[in-house]
PDB file of N, CA and C in Angstrom:
ATOM      1  N   MET A   1     -20.142 -86.233  87.241  1.00  0.00           N
ATOM      2  CA  MET A   1     -21.154 -85.993  86.238  1.00  0.00           C
ATOM      3  C   MET A   1     -21.332 -84.493  86.053  1.00  0.00           C
ATOM      4  N   LYS A   2     -21.428 -84.096  84.802  1.00  0.00           N
ATOM      5  CA  LYS A   2     -21.701 -82.704  84.459  1.00  0.00           C
ATOM      6  C   LYS A   2     -22.907 -82.690  83.536  1.00  0.00           C
ATOM      7  N   LYS A   3     -23.958 -82.001  83.975  1.00  0.00           N
ATOM      8  CA  LYS A   3     -25.172 -81.977  83.170  1.00  0.00           C
ATOM      9  C   LYS A   3     -25.870 -80.640  83.349  1.00  0.00           C
ATOM     10  N   VAL A   4     -26.522 -80.211  82.278  1.00  0.00           N
ATOM     11  CA  VAL A   4     -27.344 -79.007  82.352  1.00  0.00           C
ATOM     12  C   VAL A   4     -28.720 -79.327  81.795  1.00  0.00           C
ATOM     13  N   TYR A   5     -29.734 -78.939  82.569  1.00  0.00           N
ATOM     14  CA  TYR A   5     -31.132 -79.035  82.144  1.00  0.00           C
ATOM     15  C   TYR A   5     -31.548 -77.629  81.757  1.00  0.00           C
ATOM     16  N   PHE A   6     -32.051 -77.469  80.546  1.00  0.00           N
ATOM     17  CA  PHE A   6     -32.355 -76.128  80.044  1.00  0.00           C
ATOM     18  C   PHE A   6     -33.523 -76.198  79.077  1.00  0.00           C
ATOM     19  N   LEU A   7     -33.954 -75.026  78.670  1.00  0.00           N
ATOM     20  CA  LEU A   7     -35.023 -74.907  77.687  1.00  0.00           C
ATOM     21  C   LEU A   7     -34.449 -74.157  76.493  1.00  0.00           C
ATOM     22  N   SER A   8     -34.435 -74.793  75.333  1.00  0.00           N
ATOM     23  CA  SER A   8     -33.798 -74.198  74.155  1.00  0.00           C
ATOM     24  C   SER A   8     -34.500 -72.929  73.688  1.00  0.00           C
ATOM     25  N   THR A   9     -35.763 -72.773  74.023  1.00  0.00           N
ATOM     26  CA  THR A   9     -36.496 -71.572  73.606  1.00  0.00           C
ATOM     27  C   THR A   9     -36.370 -70.429  74.610  1.00  0.00           C
ATOM     28  N   CYS A  10     -35.616 -70.646  75.667  1.00  0.00           N
ATOM     29  CA  CYS A  10     -35.429 -69.623  76.703  1.00  0.00           C
ATOM     30  C   CYS A  10     -34.159 -68.829  76.404  1.00  0.00           C
ATOM     31  N   SER A  11     -34.322 -67.556  76.111  1.00  0.00           N
ATOM     32  CA  SER A  11     -33.165 -66.724  75.763  1.00  0.00           C
ATOM     33  C   SER A  11     -32.208 -66.573  76.949  1.00  0.00           C
ATOM     34  N   THR A  12     -32.734 -66.566  78.155  1.00  0.00           N
ATOM     35  CA  THR A  12     -31.867 -66.461  79.328  1.00  0.00           C
ATOM     36  C   THR A  12     -30.994 -67.698  79.465  1.00  0.00           C
ATOM     37  N   CYS A  13     -31.582 -68.875  79.276  1.00  0.00           N
ATOM     38  CA  CYS A  13     -30.792 -70.117  79.304  1.00  0.00           C
ATOM     39  C   CYS A  13     -29.700 -70.075  78.248  1.00  0.00           C
ATOM     40  N   GLN A  14     -30.056 -69.672  77.042  1.00  0.00           N
ATOM     41  CA  GLN A  14     -29.092 -69.613  75.943  1.00  0.00           C
ATOM     42  C   GLN A  14     -27.960 -68.641  76.251  1.00  0.00           C
ATOM     43  N   ARG A  15     -28.304 -67.464  76.800  1.00  0.00           N
ATOM     44  CA  ARG A  15     -27.289 -66.467  77.127  1.00  0.00           C
ATOM     45  C   ARG A  15     -26.315 -67.014  78.168  1.00  0.00           C
ATOM     46  N   ILE A  16     -26.841 -67.630  79.217  1.00  0.00           N
ATOM     47  CA  ILE A  16     -25.996 -68.187  80.273  1.00  0.00           C
ATOM     48  C   ILE A  16     -25.105 -69.296  79.723  1.00  0.00           C
ATOM     49  N   MET A  17     -25.693 -70.187  78.969  1.00  0.00           N
ATOM     50  CA  MET A  17     -24.929 -71.320  78.439  1.00  0.00           C
ATOM     51  C   MET A  17     -23.862 -70.866  77.451  1.00  0.00           C
ATOM     52  N   ASN A  18     -24.155 -69.860  76.657  1.00  0.00           N
ATOM     53  CA  ASN A  18     -23.171 -69.343  75.701  1.00  0.00           C
ATOM     54  C   ASN A  18     -22.012 -68.653  76.409  1.00  0.00           C
ATOM     55  N   ASP A  19     -22.254 -68.173  77.616  1.00  0.00           N
ATOM     56  CA  ASP A  19     -21.245 -67.454  78.381  1.00  0.00           C
ATOM     57  C   ASP A  19     -20.299 -68.403  79.121  1.00  0.00           C
ATOM     58  N   LEU A  20     -20.658 -69.677  79.187  1.00  0.00           N
ATOM     59  CA  LEU A  20     -19.867 -70.658  79.937  1.00  0.00           C
ATOM     60  C   LEU A  20     -19.201 -71.655  78.997  1.00  0.00           C
ATOM     61  N   LYS A  21     -18.139 -72.264  79.489  1.00  0.00           N
ATOM     62  CA  LYS A  21     -17.508 -73.347  78.744  1.00  0.00           C
ATOM     63  C   LYS A  21     -18.170 -74.635  79.209  1.00  0.00           C
ATOM     64  N   LEU A  22     -18.935 -75.242  78.340  1.00  0.00           N
ATOM     65  CA  LEU A  22     -19.702 -76.425  78.713  1.00  0.00           C
ATOM     66  C   LEU A  22     -19.114 -77.715  78.145  1.00  0.00           C
ATOM     67  N   ASP A  23     -17.803 -77.714  77.943  1.00  0.00           N
ATOM     68  CA  ASP A  23     -17.134 -78.931  77.482  1.00  0.00           C
ATOM     69  C   ASP A  23     -17.362 -80.028  78.516  1.00  0.00           C
ATOM     70  N   GLY A  24     -17.771 -81.180  78.056  1.00  0.00           N
ATOM     71  CA  GLY A  24     -17.987 -82.302  78.946  1.00  0.00           C
ATOM     72  C   GLY A  24     -19.357 -82.347  79.596  1.00  0.00           C
ATOM     73  N   PHE A  25     -20.188 -81.344  79.350  1.00  0.00           N
ATOM     74  CA  PHE A  25     -21.534 -81.320  79.912  1.00  0.00           C
ATOM     75  C   PHE A  25     -22.510 -82.061  79.009  1.00  0.00           C
ATOM     76  N   VAL A  26     -23.338 -82.884  79.601  1.00  0.00           N
ATOM     77  CA  VAL A  26     -24.481 -83.452  78.902  1.00  0.00           C
ATOM     78  C   VAL A  26     -25.557 -82.375  78.955  1.00  0.00           C
ATOM     79  N   GLN A  27     -26.126 -82.051  77.798  1.00  0.00           N
ATOM     80  CA  GLN A  27     -27.139 -81.001  77.735  1.00  0.00           C
ATOM     81  C   GLN A  27     -28.497 -81.626  77.427  1.00  0.00           C
ATOM     82  N   GLN A  28     -29.464 -81.371  78.304  1.00  0.00           N
ATOM     83  CA  GLN A  28     -30.804 -81.923  78.117  1.00  0.00           C
ATOM     84  C   GLN A  28     -31.807 -80.788  77.971  1.00  0.00           C
ATOM     85  N   ASP A  29     -32.353 -80.675  76.769  1.00  0.00           N
ATOM     86  CA  ASP A  29     -33.408 -79.699  76.501  1.00  0.00           C
ATOM     87  C   ASP A  29     -34.707 -80.308  77.033  1.00  0.00           C
ATOM     88  N   ILE A  30     -35.224 -79.756  78.115  1.00  0.00           N
ATOM     89  CA  ILE A  30     -36.353 -80.371  78.810  1.00  0.00           C
ATOM     90  C   ILE A  30     -37.665 -80.289  78.033  1.00  0.00           C
ATOM     91  N   LYS A  31     -37.694 -79.474  77.000  1.00  0.00           N
ATOM     92  CA  LYS A  31     -38.900 -79.421  76.167  1.00  0.00           C
ATOM     93  C   LYS A  31     -38.963 -80.647  75.258  1.00  0.00           C
ATOM     94  N   HIS A  32     -37.834 -81.104  74.805  1.00  0.00           N
ATOM     95  CA  HIS A  32     -37.782 -82.211  73.850  1.00  0.00           C
ATOM     96  C   HIS A  32     -37.446 -83.557  74.500  1.00  0.00           C
ATOM     97  N   GLU A  33     -36.823 -83.515  75.666  1.00  0.00           N
ATOM     98  CA  GLU A  33     -36.491 -84.734  76.405  1.00  0.00           C
ATOM     99  C   GLU A  33     -36.949 -84.538  77.843  1.00  0.00           C
ATOM    100  N   LYS A  34     -38.129 -85.070  78.139  1.00  0.00           N
ATOM    101  CA  LYS A  34     -38.745 -84.867  79.446  1.00  0.00           C
ATOM    102  C   LYS A  34     -37.834 -85.305  80.586  1.00  0.00           C
ATOM    103  N   ILE A  35     -37.968 -84.615  81.687  1.00  0.00           N
ATOM    104  CA  ILE A  35     -37.274 -84.993  82.907  1.00  0.00           C
ATOM    105  C   ILE A  35     -37.931 -86.269  83.439  1.00  0.00           C
ATOM    106  N   THR A  36     -37.118 -87.231  83.774  1.00  0.00           N
ATOM    107  CA  THR A  36     -37.655 -88.471  84.332  1.00  0.00           C
ATOM    108  C   THR A  36     -37.811 -88.315  85.853  1.00  0.00           C
ATOM    109  N   PRO A  37     -38.652 -89.134  86.451  1.00  0.00           N
ATOM    110  CA  PRO A  37     -38.750 -89.090  87.915  1.00  0.00           C
ATOM    111  C   PRO A  37     -37.406 -89.331  88.592  1.00  0.00           C
ATOM    112  N   GLU A  38     -36.595 -90.201  88.027  1.00  0.00           N
ATOM    113  CA  GLU A  38     -35.278 -90.475  88.603  1.00  0.00           C
ATOM    114  C   GLU A  38     -34.378 -89.240  88.545  1.00  0.00           C
ATOM    115  N   GLN A  39     -34.390 -88.544  87.400  1.00  0.00           N
ATOM    116  CA  GLN A  39     -33.578 -87.328  87.271  1.00  0.00           C
ATOM    117  C   GLN A  39     -34.046 -86.263  88.265  1.00  0.00           C
ATOM    118  N   LEU A  40     -35.357 -86.108  88.385  1.00  0.00           N
ATOM    119  CA  LEU A  40     -35.888 -85.109  89.309  1.00  0.00           C
ATOM    120  C   LEU A  40     -35.527 -85.461  90.748  1.00  0.00           C
ATOM    121  N   ASN A  41     -35.589 -86.733  91.094  1.00  0.00           N
ATOM    122  CA  ASN A  41     -35.212 -87.150  92.445  1.00  0.00           C
ATOM    123  C   ASN A  41     -33.733 -86.896  92.717  1.00  0.00           C
ATOM    124  N   GLU A  42     -32.885 -87.105  91.705  1.00  0.00           N
ATOM    125  CA  GLU A  42     -31.457 -86.807  91.864  1.00  0.00           C
ATOM    126  C   GLU A  42     -31.239 -85.309  92.101  1.00  0.00           C
ATOM    127  N   MET A  43     -31.963 -84.482  91.351  1.00  0.00           N
ATOM    128  CA  MET A  43     -31.852 -83.030  91.551  1.00  0.00           C
ATOM    129  C   MET A  43     -32.329 -82.653  92.951  1.00  0.00           C
ATOM    130  N   LYS A  44     -33.429 -83.253  93.392  1.00  0.00           N
ATOM    131  CA  LYS A  44     -33.989 -82.955  94.712  1.00  0.00           C
ATOM    132  C   LYS A  44     -33.002 -83.315  95.815  1.00  0.00           C
ATOM    133  N   GLU A  45     -32.295 -84.447  95.663  1.00  0.00           N
ATOM    134  CA  GLU A  45     -31.313 -84.854  96.669  1.00  0.00           C
ATOM    135  C   GLU A  45     -30.241 -83.780  96.838  1.00  0.00           C
ATOM    136  N   ARG A  46     -29.832 -83.176  95.749  1.00  0.00           N
ATOM    137  CA  ARG A  46     -28.805 -82.130  95.803  1.00  0.00           C
ATOM    138  C   ARG A  46     -29.389 -80.805  96.277  1.00  0.00           C
ATOM    139  N   ALA A  47     -30.624 -80.502  95.848  1.00  0.00           N
ATOM    140  CA  ALA A  47     -31.245 -79.214  96.157  1.00  0.00           C
ATOM    141  C   ALA A  47     -31.876 -79.187  97.546  1.00  0.00           C
ATOM    142  N   GLY A  48     -32.277 -80.339  98.048  1.00  0.00           N
ATOM    143  CA  GLY A  48     -32.894 -80.396  99.361  1.00  0.00           C
ATOM    144  C   GLY A  48     -34.414 -80.468  99.338  1.00  0.00           C
ATOM    145  N   SER A  49     -35.025 -80.015  98.237  1.00  0.00           N
ATOM    146  CA  SER A  49     -36.485 -80.064  98.144  1.00  0.00           C
ATOM    147  C   SER A  49     -36.915 -79.909  96.693  1.00  0.00           C
ATOM    148  N   PHE A  50     -38.132 -80.364  96.404  1.00  0.00           N
ATOM    149  CA  PHE A  50     -38.710 -80.133  95.082  1.00  0.00           C
ATOM    150  C   PHE A  50     -39.107 -78.666  94.949  1.00  0.00           C
ATOM    151  N   GLU A  51     -39.509 -78.065  96.047  1.00  0.00           N
ATOM    152  CA  GLU A  51     -39.890 -76.651  96.021  1.00  0.00           C
ATOM    153  C   GLU A  51     -38.721 -75.784  95.571  1.00  0.00           C
ATOM    154  N   GLY A  52     -37.512 -76.149  95.964  1.00  0.00           N
ATOM    155  CA  GLY A  52     -36.326 -75.403  95.559  1.00  0.00           C
ATOM    156  C   GLY A  52     -36.057 -75.461  94.063  1.00  0.00           C
ATOM    157  N   LEU A  53     -36.645 -76.431  93.392  1.00  0.00           N
ATOM    158  CA  LEU A  53     -36.493 -76.591  91.941  1.00  0.00           C
ATOM    159  C   LEU A  53     -37.662 -75.982  91.165  1.00  0.00           C
ATOM    160  N   PHE A  54     -38.647 -75.501  91.893  1.00  0.00           N
ATOM    161  CA  PHE A  54     -39.911 -75.066  91.292  1.00  0.00           C
ATOM    162  C   PHE A  54     -39.884 -73.581  90.951  1.00  0.00           C
ATOM    163  N   SER A  55     -40.349 -73.263  89.745  1.00  0.00           N
ATOM    164  CA  SER A  55     -40.402 -71.871  89.294  1.00  0.00           C
ATOM    165  C   SER A  55     -41.803 -71.302  89.459  1.00  0.00           C
ATOM    166  N   ARG A  56     -41.891 -70.273  90.277  1.00  0.00           N
ATOM    167  CA  ARG A  56     -43.157 -69.566  90.434  1.00  0.00           C
ATOM    168  C   ARG A  56     -43.322 -68.476  89.365  1.00  0.00           C
ATOM    169  N   ARG A  57     -42.337 -68.339  88.526  1.00  0.00           N
ATOM    170  CA  ARG A  57     -42.395 -67.335  87.456  1.00  0.00           C
ATOM    171  C   ARG A  57     -43.040 -67.882  86.188  1.00  0.00           C
ATOM    172  N   ALA A  58     -43.275 -69.186  86.146  1.00  0.00           N
ATOM    173  CA  ALA A  58     -43.899 -69.798  84.970  1.00  0.00           C
ATOM    174  C   ALA A  58     -45.305 -69.223  84.789  1.00  0.00           C
ATOM    175  N   MET A  59     -45.676 -68.961  83.545  1.00  0.00           N
ATOM    176  CA  MET A  59     -46.997 -68.390  83.272  1.00  0.00           C
ATOM    177  C   MET A  59     -48.116 -69.296  83.772  1.00  0.00           C
ATOM    178  N   LYS A  60     -47.907 -70.594  83.704  1.00  0.00           N
ATOM    179  CA  LYS A  60     -48.938 -71.541  84.149  1.00  0.00           C
ATOM    180  C   LYS A  60     -49.160 -71.472  85.657  1.00  0.00           C
ATOM    181  N   TYR A  61     -48.179 -71.001  86.398  1.00  0.00           N
ATOM    182  CA  TYR A  61     -48.326 -70.881  87.847  1.00  0.00           C
ATOM    183  C   TYR A  61     -49.503 -69.975  88.178  1.00  0.00           C
ATOM    184  N   LYS A  62     -49.578 -68.855  87.479  1.00  0.00           N
ATOM    185  CA  LYS A  62     -50.681 -67.914  87.708  1.00  0.00           C
ATOM    186  C   LYS A  62     -51.974 -68.412  87.072  1.00  0.00           C
ATOM    187  N   SER A  63     -51.879 -68.892  85.846  1.00  0.00           N
ATOM    188  CA  SER A  63     -53.094 -69.301  85.134  1.00  0.00           C
ATOM    189  C   SER A  63     -53.779 -70.508  85.795  1.00  0.00           C
ATOM    190  N   MET A  64     -53.014 -71.344  86.478  1.00  0.00           N
ATOM    191  CA  MET A  64     -53.589 -72.495  87.166  1.00  0.00           C
ATOM    192  C   MET A  64     -54.030 -72.157  88.590  1.00  0.00           C
ATOM    193  N   GLY A  65     -53.817 -70.904  89.003  1.00  0.00           N
ATOM    194  CA  GLY A  65     -54.220 -70.479  90.333  1.00  0.00           C
ATOM    195  C   GLY A  65     -53.411 -71.114  91.453  1.00  0.00           C
ATOM    196  N   LEU A  66     -52.178 -71.493  91.170  1.00  0.00           N
ATOM    197  CA  LEU A  66     -51.369 -72.189  92.161  1.00  0.00           C
ATOM    198  C   LEU A  66     -50.919 -71.287  93.308  1.00  0.00           C
ATOM    199  N   ALA A  67     -50.878 -69.979  93.069  1.00  0.00           N
ATOM    200  CA  ALA A  67     -50.469 -69.051  94.123  1.00  0.00           C
ATOM    201  C   ALA A  67     -51.444 -69.085  95.295  1.00  0.00           C
ATOM    202  N   ASN A  68     -52.682 -69.478  95.024  1.00  0.00           N
ATOM    203  CA  ASN A  68     -53.712 -69.507  96.055  1.00  0.00           C
ATOM    204  C   ASN A  68     -53.848 -70.877  96.725  1.00  0.00           C
ATOM    205  N   LYS A  69     -52.988 -71.809  96.372  1.00  0.00           N
ATOM    206  CA  LYS A  69     -53.066 -73.163  96.918  1.00  0.00           C
ATOM    207  C   LYS A  69     -51.890 -73.425  97.842  1.00  0.00           C
ATOM    208  N   ASN A  70     -52.118 -74.286  98.808  1.00  0.00           N
ATOM    209  CA  ASN A  70     -51.067 -74.692  99.727  1.00  0.00           C
ATOM    210  C   ASN A  70     -50.441 -75.969  99.160  1.00  0.00           C
ATOM    211  N   LEU A  71     -49.310 -75.832  98.492  1.00  0.00           N
ATOM    212  CA  LEU A  71     -48.681 -76.965  97.808  1.00  0.00           C
ATOM    213  C   LEU A  71     -47.722 -77.705  98.732  1.00  0.00           C
ATOM    214  N   ALA A  72     -47.747 -79.018  98.633  1.00  0.00           N
ATOM    215  CA  ALA A  72     -46.826 -79.874  99.381  1.00  0.00           C
ATOM    216  C   ALA A  72     -45.698 -80.313  98.453  1.00  0.00           C
ATOM    217  N   GLU A  73     -44.673 -80.932  99.013  1.00  0.00           N
ATOM    218  CA  GLU A  73     -43.534 -81.401  98.218  1.00  0.00           C
ATOM    219  C   GLU A  73     -43.974 -82.309  97.073  1.00  0.00           C
ATOM    220  N   LYS A  74     -44.905 -83.215  97.343  1.00  0.00           N
ATOM    221  CA  LYS A  74     -45.360 -84.133  96.289  1.00  0.00           C
ATOM    222  C   LYS A  74     -46.069 -83.371  95.167  1.00  0.00           C
ATOM    223  N   ASP A  75     -46.700 -82.240  95.513  1.00  0.00           N
ATOM    224  CA  ASP A  75     -47.344 -81.411  94.487  1.00  0.00           C
ATOM    225  C   ASP A  75     -46.295 -80.765  93.589  1.00  0.00           C
ATOM    226  N   TYR A  76     -45.254 -80.204  94.196  1.00  0.00           N
ATOM    227  CA  TYR A  76     -44.170 -79.602  93.412  1.00  0.00           C
ATOM    228  C   TYR A  76     -43.542 -80.644  92.491  1.00  0.00           C
ATOM    229  N   GLN A  77     -43.304 -81.825  93.033  1.00  0.00           N
ATOM    230  CA  GLN A  77     -42.710 -82.906  92.250  1.00  0.00           C
ATOM    231  C   GLN A  77     -43.581 -83.234  91.044  1.00  0.00           C
ATOM    232  N   GLN A  78     -44.859 -83.433  91.259  1.00  0.00           N
ATOM    233  CA  GLN A  78     -45.747 -83.820  90.172  1.00  0.00           C
ATOM    234  C   GLN A  78     -45.909 -82.705  89.148  1.00  0.00           C
ATOM    235  N   LEU A  79     -45.997 -81.465  89.608  1.00  0.00           N
ATOM    236  CA  LEU A  79     -46.129 -80.335  88.684  1.00  0.00           C
ATOM    237  C   LEU A  79     -44.914 -80.231  87.763  1.00  0.00           C
ATOM    238  N   ILE A  80     -43.718 -80.404  88.309  1.00  0.00           N
ATOM    239  CA  ILE A  80     -42.502 -80.342  87.485  1.00  0.00           C
ATOM    240  C   ILE A  80     -42.485 -81.482  86.482  1.00  0.00           C
ATOM    241  N   LEU A  81     -42.874 -82.666  86.908  1.00  0.00           N
ATOM    242  CA  LEU A  81     -42.888 -83.810  85.990  1.00  0.00           C
ATOM    243  C   LEU A  81     -43.942 -83.648  84.899  1.00  0.00           C
ATOM    244  N   ASP A  82     -45.075 -83.035  85.240  1.00  0.00           N
ATOM    245  CA  ASP A  82     -46.163 -82.863  84.274  1.00  0.00           C
ATOM    246  C   ASP A  82     -45.911 -81.728  83.290  1.00  0.00           C
ATOM    247  N   GLU A  83     -45.220 -80.680  83.742  1.00  0.00           N
ATOM    248  CA  GLU A  83     -45.059 -79.480  82.925  1.00  0.00           C
ATOM    249  C   GLU A  83     -43.642 -78.939  83.059  1.00  0.00           C
ATOM    250  N   TYR A  84     -42.855 -79.060  82.002  1.00  0.00           N
ATOM    251  CA  TYR A  84     -41.435 -78.675  82.048  1.00  0.00           C
ATOM    252  C   TYR A  84     -41.207 -77.221  82.444  1.00  0.00           C
ATOM    253  N   THR A  85     -42.166 -76.344  82.178  1.00  0.00           N
ATOM    254  CA  THR A  85     -41.957 -74.927  82.490  1.00  0.00           C
ATOM    255  C   THR A  85     -41.884 -74.660  83.991  1.00  0.00           C
ATOM    256  N   PHE A  86     -42.296 -75.634  84.818  1.00  0.00           N
ATOM    257  CA  PHE A  86     -42.228 -75.437  86.263  1.00  0.00           C
ATOM    258  C   PHE A  86     -40.838 -75.693  86.839  1.00  0.00           C
ATOM    259  N   LEU A  87     -39.907 -76.197  86.046  1.00  0.00           N
ATOM    260  CA  LEU A  87     -38.541 -76.352  86.536  1.00  0.00           C
ATOM    261  C   LEU A  87     -37.834 -75.007  86.453  1.00  0.00           C
ATOM    262  N   LYS A  88     -37.305 -74.568  87.587  1.00  0.00           N
ATOM    263  CA  LYS A  88     -36.514 -73.336  87.605  1.00  0.00           C
ATOM    264  C   LYS A  88     -35.251 -73.623  86.823  1.00  0.00           C
ATOM    265  N   ARG A  89     -34.955 -72.819  85.835  1.00  0.00           N
ATOM    266  CA  ARG A  89     -33.872 -73.162  84.924  1.00  0.00           C
ATOM    267  C   ARG A  89     -32.971 -71.970  84.626  1.00  0.00           C
ATOM    268  N   PRO A  90     -31.779 -72.310  84.137  1.00  0.00           N
ATOM    269  CA  PRO A  90     -31.218 -73.641  83.916  1.00  0.00           C
ATOM    270  C   PRO A  90     -30.813 -74.300  85.231  1.00  0.00           C
ATOM    271  N   VAL A  91     -30.649 -75.613  85.182  1.00  0.00           N
ATOM    272  CA  VAL A  91     -30.151 -76.368  86.323  1.00  0.00           C
ATOM    273  C   VAL A  91     -28.845 -77.027  85.889  1.00  0.00           C
ATOM    274  N   PHE A  92     -27.776 -76.680  86.590  1.00  0.00           N
ATOM    275  CA  PHE A  92     -26.464 -77.261  86.325  1.00  0.00           C
ATOM    276  C   PHE A  92     -26.137 -78.232  87.453  1.00  0.00           C
ATOM    277  N   VAL A  93     -25.774 -79.455  87.101  1.00  0.00           N
ATOM    278  CA  VAL A  93     -25.351 -80.456  88.071  1.00  0.00           C
ATOM    279  C   VAL A  93     -23.890 -80.767  87.773  1.00  0.00           C
ATOM    280  N   ILE A  94     -23.055 -80.576  88.787  1.00  0.00           N
ATOM    281  CA  ILE A  94     -21.627 -80.884  88.668  1.00  0.00           C
ATOM    282  C   ILE A  94     -21.269 -81.749  89.868  1.00  0.00           C
ATOM    283  N   ASP A  95     -21.116 -83.025  89.606  1.00  0.00           N
ATOM    284  CA  ASP A  95     -20.874 -84.005  90.665  1.00  0.00           C
ATOM    285  C   ASP A  95     -21.976 -83.899  91.723  1.00  0.00           C
ATOM    286  N   ASP A  96     -21.638 -83.548  92.957  1.00  0.00           N
ATOM    287  CA  ASP A  96     -22.653 -83.445  94.011  1.00  0.00           C
ATOM    288  C   ASP A  96     -23.217 -82.036  94.158  1.00  0.00           C
ATOM    289  N   ASP A  97     -22.750 -81.096  93.360  1.00  0.00           N
ATOM    290  CA  ASP A  97     -23.216 -79.713  93.440  1.00  0.00           C
ATOM    291  C   ASP A  97     -24.337 -79.456  92.434  1.00  0.00           C
ATOM    292  N   ILE A  98     -25.240 -78.542  92.807  1.00  0.00           N
ATOM    293  CA  ILE A  98     -26.320 -78.159  91.912  1.00  0.00           C
ATOM    294  C   ILE A  98     -26.455 -76.645  91.936  1.00  0.00           C
ATOM    295  N   PHE A  99     -26.714 -76.073  90.765  1.00  0.00           N
ATOM    296  CA  PHE A  99     -26.899 -74.635  90.607  1.00  0.00           C
ATOM    297  C   PHE A  99     -28.230 -74.450  89.884  1.00  0.00           C
ATOM    298  N   ILE A 100     -29.187 -73.821  90.567  1.00  0.00           N
ATOM    299  CA  ILE A 100     -30.569 -73.761  90.086  1.00  0.00           C
ATOM    300  C   ILE A 100     -30.950 -72.332  89.759  1.00  0.00           C
ATOM    301  N   GLY A 101     -31.404 -72.125  88.533  1.00  0.00           N
ATOM    302  CA  GLY A 101     -31.949 -70.824  88.154  1.00  0.00           C
ATOM    303  C   GLY A 101     -30.923 -69.877  87.583  1.00  0.00           C
ATOM    304  N   ASN A 102     -31.400 -68.664  87.321  1.00  0.00           N
ATOM    305  CA  ASN A 102     -30.574 -67.684  86.614  1.00  0.00           C
ATOM    306  C   ASN A 102     -30.220 -66.457  87.438  1.00  0.00           C
ATOM    307  N   ALA A 103     -30.375 -66.529  88.749  1.00  0.00           N
ATOM    308  CA  ALA A 103     -29.996 -65.399  89.602  1.00  0.00           C
ATOM    309  C   ALA A 103     -28.502 -65.124  89.445  1.00  0.00           C
ATOM    310  N   ALA A 104     -28.144 -63.869  89.475  1.00  0.00           N
ATOM    311  CA  ALA A 104     -26.747 -63.477  89.282  1.00  0.00           C
ATOM    312  C   ALA A 104     -25.822 -64.167  90.276  1.00  0.00           C
ATOM    313  N   ALA A 105     -26.233 -64.254  91.539  1.00  0.00           N
ATOM    314  CA  ALA A 105     -25.394 -64.897  92.559  1.00  0.00           C
ATOM    315  C   ALA A 105     -25.192 -66.381  92.248  1.00  0.00           C
ATOM    316  N   THR A 106     -26.218 -67.047  91.753  1.00  0.00           N
ATOM    317  CA  THR A 106     -26.117 -68.462  91.394  1.00  0.00           C
ATOM    318  C   THR A 106     -25.139 -68.648  90.240  1.00  0.00           C
ATOM    319  N   ILE A 107     -25.229 -67.794  89.242  1.00  0.00           N
ATOM    320  CA  ILE A 107     -24.353 -67.909  88.075  1.00  0.00           C
ATOM    321  C   ILE A 107     -22.909 -67.608  88.463  1.00  0.00           C
ATOM    322  N   GLU A 108     -22.701 -66.673  89.371  1.00  0.00           N
ATOM    323  CA  GLU A 108     -21.342 -66.371  89.835  1.00  0.00           C
ATOM    324  C   GLU A 108     -20.734 -67.572  90.571  1.00  0.00           C
ATOM    325  N   LYS A 109     -21.536 -68.220  91.419  1.00  0.00           N
ATOM    326  CA  LYS A 109     -21.057 -69.422  92.118  1.00  0.00           C
ATOM    327  C   LYS A 109     -20.722 -70.532  91.110  1.00  0.00           C
ATOM    328  N   LEU A 110     -21.569 -70.657  90.103  1.00  0.00           N
ATOM    329  CA  LEU A 110     -21.339 -71.651  89.054  1.00  0.00           C
ATOM    330  C   LEU A 110     -20.025 -71.369  88.330  1.00  0.00           C
ATOM    331  N   LYS A 111     -19.802 -70.116  87.961  1.00  0.00           N
ATOM    332  CA  LYS A 111     -18.566 -69.747  87.271  1.00  0.00           C
ATOM    333  C   LYS A 111     -17.341 -70.059  88.118  1.00  0.00           C
ATOM    334  N   LYS A 112     -17.421 -69.787  89.415  1.00  0.00           N
ATOM    335  CA  LYS A 112     -16.299 -70.098  90.307  1.00  0.00           C
ATOM    336  C   LYS A 112     -16.065 -71.597  90.371  1.00  0.00           C
ATOM    337  N   ARG A 113     -17.142 -72.360  90.392  1.00  0.00           N
ATOM    338  CA  ARG A 113     -17.037 -73.834  90.446  1.00  0.00           C
ATOM    339  C   ARG A 113     -16.388 -74.379  89.176  1.00  0.00           C
ATOM    340  N   LEU A 114     -16.671 -73.722  88.055  1.00  0.00           N
ATOM    341  CA  LEU A 114     -16.129 -74.172  86.766  1.00  0.00           C
ATOM    342  C   LEU A 114     -14.681 -73.741  86.546  1.00  0.00           C
ATOM    343  N   SER A 115     -14.229 -72.745  87.280  1.00  0.00           N
ATOM    344  CA  SER A 115     -12.864 -72.233  87.031  1.00  0.00           C
ATOM    345  C   SER A 115     -11.807 -73.034  87.746  1.00  0.00           C
TER     346      SER A 115
END
């Protein structure tokens, strides 16, 4: 399976995706097609935790005062399901591998996996 979860209004997602050959990838714009609990659980199995999929850079993270709260795994899971901006993106799933976020090292590993 090859899939990418992204946000179409995110210029960073667009730049990364335009730089890669995404032939054969299912592309899911998470703003228009919500992540299902099953999809999130599949990502968590590959990532190891819901926290690993969670973006602390989302504007709502600060506005909701989440930095001052002690969040558990179930909290991260529910926050991502409730609000798409909490998913660290883009997320590329290639078979059993997952590449989360836009860090340069992550994108380099992704490029090597695709080559």
